[in-house]
Protein backbone atom coordinates (compact mmCIF):
# COMPACT_ATOMS: atom_id res chain seq x y z
CA MET A 1 0.00 0.00 0.00
CA THR A 2 1.35 3.44 -0.87
CA ASN A 3 1.58 5.80 2.08
CA THR A 4 -0.17 9.12 1.66
CA PRO A 5 -0.37 12.21 3.88
CA GLU A 6 -4.02 11.33 4.52
CA THR A 7 -3.11 8.00 6.15
CA THR A 8 -3.76 8.30 9.88
CA ILE A 9 -2.69 5.96 12.67
CA GLU A 10 -3.92 6.32 16.24
CA LEU A 11 -0.96 5.10 18.28
CA VAL A 12 -1.14 4.55 22.04
CA LEU A 13 2.09 3.93 23.89
CA ILE A 14 1.58 2.30 27.27
CA THR A 15 4.50 2.51 29.64
CA GLY A 16 5.07 2.87 33.35
CA MET A 17 6.14 1.04 36.44
CA SER A 18 6.36 -2.74 36.52
CA GLY A 19 3.33 -4.03 38.41
CA SER A 20 1.22 -0.93 37.75
CA GLY A 21 -1.31 -2.58 35.42
CA LYS A 22 0.04 -2.32 31.86
CA SER A 23 -1.35 -5.73 30.91
CA VAL A 24 -4.79 -4.65 32.14
CA ALA A 25 -4.53 -1.48 30.05
CA LEU A 26 -3.60 -3.43 26.92
CA THR A 27 -6.60 -5.72 27.41
CA ALA A 28 -8.90 -2.70 27.74
CA LEU A 29 -7.60 -1.22 24.49
CA GLU A 30 -7.97 -4.54 22.71
CA ASP A 31 -11.62 -4.52 23.79
CA ILE A 32 -12.20 -1.21 21.97
CA GLY A 33 -10.57 -2.24 18.71
CA PHE A 34 -6.86 -1.56 19.10
CA PHE A 35 -4.26 -3.95 17.76
CA CYS A 36 -2.03 -4.52 20.80
CA VAL A 37 1.51 -5.77 21.30
CA ASP A 38 3.42 -6.12 24.54
CA ASN A 39 7.12 -5.46 25.20
CA LEU A 40 8.04 -4.11 21.78
CA PRO A 41 11.72 -3.01 21.75
CA PRO A 42 11.91 0.75 20.97
CA ASP A 43 14.34 0.02 18.14
CA LEU A 44 11.54 -1.78 16.27
CA LEU A 45 8.92 0.96 16.69
CA ASP A 46 9.23 2.55 13.22
CA ALA A 47 9.28 -0.80 11.44
CA PHE A 48 6.30 -2.05 13.44
CA VAL A 49 4.17 1.01 12.67
CA ALA A 50 5.04 0.72 8.98
CA LEU A 51 4.13 -2.97 8.99
CA ASP A 52 0.80 -2.28 10.68
CA GLN A 53 0.04 0.40 8.13
CA THR A 54 0.49 -2.06 5.27
CA HIS A 55 -2.12 -4.24 6.98
CA ARG A 56 -4.47 -1.23 7.29
CA ALA A 57 -4.30 -1.16 11.09
CA ASN A 58 -5.17 2.38 12.14
CA LYS A 59 -5.52 1.85 15.89
CA VAL A 60 -2.39 0.45 17.51
CA ALA A 61 -1.36 0.11 21.16
CA ILE A 62 2.17 -0.79 22.21
CA ALA A 63 3.53 -1.50 25.69
CA MET A 64 7.15 -0.63 26.45
CA ASP A 65 8.91 -0.70 29.79
CA VAL A 66 12.26 -1.35 31.50
CA ARG A 67 12.51 -4.78 29.92
CA SER A 68 13.96 -2.71 27.05
CA ALA A 69 16.05 -0.54 29.38
CA ALA A 70 19.01 -0.21 27.02
CA SER A 71 16.86 1.45 24.34
CA LEU A 72 14.72 3.68 26.56
CA PRO A 73 16.94 6.80 26.60
CA GLY A 74 16.37 7.39 22.89
CA LEU A 75 12.62 6.69 22.92
CA PRO A 76 11.34 10.30 23.41
CA ASP A 77 13.30 11.52 20.36
CA ARG A 78 12.17 8.48 18.37
CA LEU A 79 8.53 9.26 19.19
CA LYS A 80 8.98 12.90 18.20
CA ARG A 81 10.45 11.95 14.83
CA LEU A 82 7.67 9.45 14.28
CA THR A 83 4.92 12.05 14.77
CA GLN A 84 6.70 14.57 12.52
CA ARG A 85 6.83 12.32 9.45
CA THR A 86 5.00 13.68 6.42
CA ASP A 87 4.09 10.36 4.76
CA ARG A 88 1.57 9.51 7.48
CA LYS A 89 -0.26 11.19 10.32
CA ILE A 90 0.43 9.69 13.74
CA LEU A 91 -1.91 10.63 16.57
CA LEU A 92 0.19 9.67 19.58
CA THR A 93 -1.05 9.22 23.12
CA THR A 94 1.48 8.20 25.76
CA LEU A 95 -0.07 6.63 28.83
CA PHE A 96 2.09 6.17 31.94
CA LEU A 97 0.80 3.88 34.68
CA ASP A 98 2.20 4.58 38.13
CA ALA A 99 1.70 3.44 41.72
CA THR A 100 3.31 4.10 45.08
CA THR A 101 6.41 2.13 45.96
CA ASP A 102 4.60 0.46 48.87
CA THR A 103 1.84 -0.68 46.51
CA LEU A 104 4.31 -2.07 43.98
CA VAL A 105 6.26 -3.92 46.68
CA ARG A 106 3.03 -5.48 47.94
CA ARG A 107 1.94 -6.55 44.45
CA PHE A 108 5.27 -8.18 43.68
CA SER A 109 5.25 -9.91 47.06
CA GLU A 110 1.72 -11.23 46.55
CA THR A 111 2.41 -12.59 43.07
CA ARG A 112 5.96 -13.75 43.92
CA ARG A 113 7.16 -12.27 40.65
CA LEU A 114 10.70 -10.99 40.22
CA HIS A 115 11.07 -7.33 39.25
CA PRO A 116 12.83 -7.05 35.86
CA LEU A 117 15.62 -4.99 37.44
CA SER A 118 16.02 -7.07 40.60
CA LEU A 119 19.16 -9.02 41.33
CA LYS A 120 18.40 -12.68 41.94
CA THR A 121 21.56 -13.00 44.02
CA ALA A 122 20.77 -10.18 46.49
CA ASN A 123 20.83 -11.18 50.15
CA ASP A 124 17.93 -8.89 51.14
CA GLN A 125 15.25 -9.41 48.47
CA GLN A 126 12.89 -6.80 50.02
CA ARG A 127 15.60 -4.17 49.86
CA ALA A 128 16.58 -5.28 46.37
CA LEU A 129 12.98 -4.90 45.20
CA THR A 130 12.67 -1.38 46.62
CA ASP A 131 15.98 -0.35 45.04
CA ALA A 132 14.86 -1.79 41.69
CA ILE A 133 11.60 0.17 41.81
CA GLU A 134 13.37 3.44 42.58
CA TYR A 135 15.90 2.82 39.80
CA GLU A 136 13.02 2.11 37.43
CA ARG A 137 11.49 5.50 38.33
CA GLU A 138 14.76 7.18 37.32
CA LEU A 139 14.89 5.36 33.99
CA LEU A 140 11.29 6.25 33.14
CA ALA A 141 11.24 9.84 34.46
CA GLU A 142 11.53 11.49 31.03
CA LEU A 143 8.72 9.40 29.57
CA ARG A 144 6.51 10.16 32.59
CA ASP A 145 6.99 13.91 32.12
CA GLU A 146 5.56 13.71 28.58
CA ALA A 147 2.66 11.34 29.30
CA LEU A 148 -0.82 11.14 30.68
CA VAL A 149 -0.25 9.62 34.14
CA LEU A 150 -2.71 7.25 35.78
CA ASP A 151 -2.19 6.37 39.44
CA THR A 152 -3.33 2.76 39.92
CA SER A 153 -2.41 2.48 43.61
CA LEU A 154 -5.97 2.44 44.92
CA ILE A 155 -8.06 1.20 42.02
CA ARG A 156 -9.03 -2.30 41.03
CA PRO A 157 -8.36 -3.78 37.56
CA ALA A 158 -12.02 -3.33 36.55
CA GLN A 159 -11.82 0.37 37.39
CA LEU A 160 -8.58 0.75 35.44
CA ARG A 161 -10.14 -0.88 32.39
CA SER A 162 -13.09 1.53 32.60
CA HIS A 163 -10.78 4.55 32.92
CA ILE A 164 -8.70 3.47 29.92
CA LYS A 165 -11.75 2.87 27.73
CA ALA A 166 -13.29 6.21 28.70
CA LEU A 167 -10.10 8.11 27.91
CA LEU A 168 -9.27 6.45 24.60
CA SER A 169 -12.54 5.27 23.08
CA THR A 170 -13.13 8.67 21.45
CA SER A 171 -11.05 10.62 18.95
CA PRO A 172 -8.04 12.41 20.43
CA ALA A 173 -8.59 16.06 21.33
CA PRO A 174 -5.96 18.87 21.44
CA LEU A 175 -6.32 18.90 25.24
CA THR A 176 -8.36 16.66 27.52
CA LEU A 177 -9.34 17.68 31.04
CA VAL A 178 -9.61 14.86 33.56
CA PHE A 179 -11.49 15.78 36.74
CA GLU A 180 -10.87 13.37 39.61
CA SER A 181 -12.42 13.23 43.08
CA PHE A 182 -10.57 11.58 45.94
CA ALA A 183 -10.35 11.18 49.71
CA PHE A 184 -7.40 12.80 51.45
CA LYS A 185 -7.49 10.04 54.06
CA ARG A 186 -6.39 7.60 51.33
CA GLY A 187 -3.70 9.84 49.87
CA ILE A 188 -3.33 12.36 47.05
CA PRO A 189 -3.44 10.87 43.52
CA MET A 190 0.00 10.64 41.96
CA ASP A 191 -1.41 11.57 38.55
CA ALA A 192 -2.73 15.01 39.54
CA ASP A 193 -1.49 18.17 37.82
CA PHE A 194 -3.57 20.38 40.12
CA VAL A 195 -4.90 19.48 43.58
CA PHE A 196 -7.67 21.43 45.27
CA ASP A 197 -8.49 20.82 48.94
CA VAL A 198 -12.20 21.34 49.69
CA ARG A 199 -12.28 19.87 53.21
CA MET A 200 -13.13 23.27 54.68
CA LEU A 201 -16.52 23.33 52.93
CA PRO A 202 -19.80 22.34 54.67
CA ASN A 203 -19.92 18.54 54.85
CA PRO A 204 -23.11 16.59 53.98
CA HIS A 205 -21.63 13.67 55.94
CA TYR A 206 -23.00 15.26 59.10
CA GLU A 207 -26.53 15.43 57.72
CA PRO A 208 -28.16 12.05 58.58
CA ALA A 209 -30.32 11.98 55.44
CA LEU A 210 -27.36 12.82 53.19
CA LYS A 211 -24.62 10.71 54.78
CA PRO A 212 -25.27 7.52 52.72
CA LEU A 213 -25.56 9.48 49.44
CA THR A 214 -22.87 10.89 47.14
CA GLY A 215 -22.26 14.15 45.33
CA ARG A 216 -24.04 12.67 42.33
CA ASP A 217 -27.37 12.56 44.17
CA ALA A 218 -29.85 15.41 43.79
CA ALA A 219 -30.36 15.89 47.53
CA VAL A 220 -26.63 16.36 48.12
CA ALA A 221 -26.36 18.70 45.14
CA THR A 222 -29.23 20.82 46.43
CA TYR A 223 -27.60 21.03 49.86
CA LEU A 224 -24.21 22.05 48.48
CA GLU A 225 -25.62 24.50 45.95
CA SER A 226 -27.22 26.40 48.84
CA GLN A 227 -23.85 26.99 50.56
CA ASP A 228 -22.08 30.27 49.80
CA GLU A 229 -18.65 28.74 50.45
CA VAL A 230 -19.26 25.94 47.94
CA ARG A 231 -20.37 28.34 45.23
CA ALA A 232 -17.32 30.54 45.88
CA MET A 233 -14.93 27.57 45.73
CA GLU A 234 -16.44 26.34 42.47
CA ALA A 235 -16.19 29.80 40.88
CA GLN A 236 -12.58 30.24 41.97
CA ILE A 237 -11.44 26.85 40.68
CA GLN A 238 -13.24 27.50 37.40
CA ALA A 239 -11.65 30.94 37.05
CA PHE A 240 -8.18 29.53 37.74
CA LEU A 241 -8.53 26.84 35.09
CA GLU A 242 -10.05 29.20 32.54
CA GLN A 243 -7.03 31.48 32.92
CA TRP A 244 -4.31 28.83 32.66
CA LEU A 245 -5.65 26.10 30.38
CA PRO A 246 -5.00 28.10 27.16
CA HIS A 247 -1.38 28.52 28.27
CA MET A 248 -1.06 24.78 28.91
CA LEU A 249 -2.47 24.07 25.46
CA LYS A 250 0.15 26.41 23.94
CA ASP A 251 2.76 24.42 25.86
CA HIS A 252 1.58 21.31 23.95
CA ARG A 253 -0.02 19.62 26.92
CA SER A 254 -2.42 16.88 25.84
CA TYR A 255 -3.93 15.99 29.22
CA VAL A 256 -4.47 17.93 32.43
CA THR A 257 -5.68 16.12 35.54
CA VAL A 258 -7.49 18.23 38.14
CA ALA A 259 -7.89 16.41 41.45
CA ILE A 260 -10.39 17.65 44.02
CA GLY A 261 -10.24 16.12 47.46
CA CYS A 262 -12.38 16.06 50.57
CA THR A 263 -12.24 13.87 53.65
CA GLY A 264 -14.05 10.79 52.34
CA GLY A 265 -14.19 11.41 48.59
CA GLN A 266 -17.96 10.88 48.60
CA HIS A 267 -19.82 14.20 48.76
CA ARG A 268 -18.06 17.55 48.24
CA SER A 269 -15.30 16.48 45.88
CA VAL A 270 -17.67 14.35 43.80
CA TYR A 271 -20.17 17.21 43.51
CA LEU A 272 -17.52 19.70 42.38
CA VAL A 273 -16.00 17.27 39.86
CA GLU A 274 -19.43 16.74 38.32
CA ARG A 275 -20.10 20.48 38.20
CA LEU A 276 -16.72 21.46 36.75
CA ALA A 277 -16.72 18.70 34.14
CA LYS A 278 -20.10 19.93 32.93
CA ALA A 279 -18.96 23.57 32.90
CA PHE A 280 -15.82 22.87 30.87
CA GLY A 281 -17.38 20.22 28.64
CA ALA A 282 -18.71 22.77 26.16
CA GLU A 283 -15.19 23.98 25.25
CA TRP A 284 -12.84 21.16 26.21
CA SER A 285 -12.82 17.39 26.02
CA THR A 286 -13.52 16.31 29.61
CA ARG A 287 -13.48 13.06 31.57
CA MET A 288 -14.43 12.27 35.16
CA ARG A 289 -13.03 9.81 37.67
CA HIS A 290 -14.33 9.26 41.19
CA ARG A 291 -11.54 7.30 42.83
CA GLU A 292 -13.47 6.29 45.94
CA ILE A 293 -17.11 5.78 44.88
CA ASP A 294 -16.31 4.25 41.48
CA GLY A 295 -14.83 1.37 43.41
CA TRP A 296 -17.85 0.69 45.60
CA PRO A 297 -18.99 -2.93 45.30
CA ALA A 298 -22.48 -3.71 44.07
CA ALA A 299 -23.68 -4.55 47.59
CA GLN A 300 -22.69 -1.12 48.86
CA GLN A 301 -24.33 0.57 45.89
CA ALA A 302 -27.57 -1.28 46.64
CA GLN A 303 -27.36 -0.39 50.32
CA ARG A 304 -26.85 3.28 49.49
CA ALA A 305 -29.80 3.25 47.11
CA GLY A 306 -31.98 1.65 49.77
CA SER A 307 -30.95 4.22 52.36
CA ALA A 308 -31.80 7.05 49.98
CA SER A 309 -35.30 5.82 49.27
């Protein structure tokens, strides 16, 4: 097949920390029509994309990580050259999966897998694993800086698959805003570009009728809309983003994650994420994640619904 300037390939590069969920991400992309390959050496990237193009594959996902450590330093420049070619149009999305060191240590311990950078002969395997993880962070730091980061520390595989599909099932936009609610008591998301603390706002948790609900429920929304402090906080966050998002777009940012946290990640942060995503949705591509309530099991969802009725 002759390449033409009109030929377009949607290329997703999945990278990140070992044990952070890259295999789960590849499976999710395969579900929405991507041709996926794991552990492709960076040196073969150009040849692989050309081969896929001859087979008319226009949605491709590739996983690369420290198993190709020797070739990683040149990968950012290789990606830049790939997207600048004139014989084809490459729409590149780089997705970096991350997790806290404690989480990664626990996952490796539970699965009894050996980290790709670990030394089998080390006397203290726990120490060797931690050192390998920190060395891996150093090797991948440049890729992380250029990517959309997803913190998988506190989400289950089913949640991760949903997040991946929601982010990449639509056509790429010049800039995508991801609004994420979270609970401070479970830690700040590692993938956040901006973090807003709304714990000082009136808390529906202390209203018996509202406690089992979330910020998605009409009764909670009505309560929060009536509070002057909540309206002021929403307006100030919106004004801040409206001022700086155009500058971030000029700086060639593709994704901006705005994390809003309250104590439990159930009421105030969820409400504001829903409101802000709706407000910015008319001008920007927006996505929402609710780190705490998206992970509620079905039994808890049913219990909450019963309490609200």
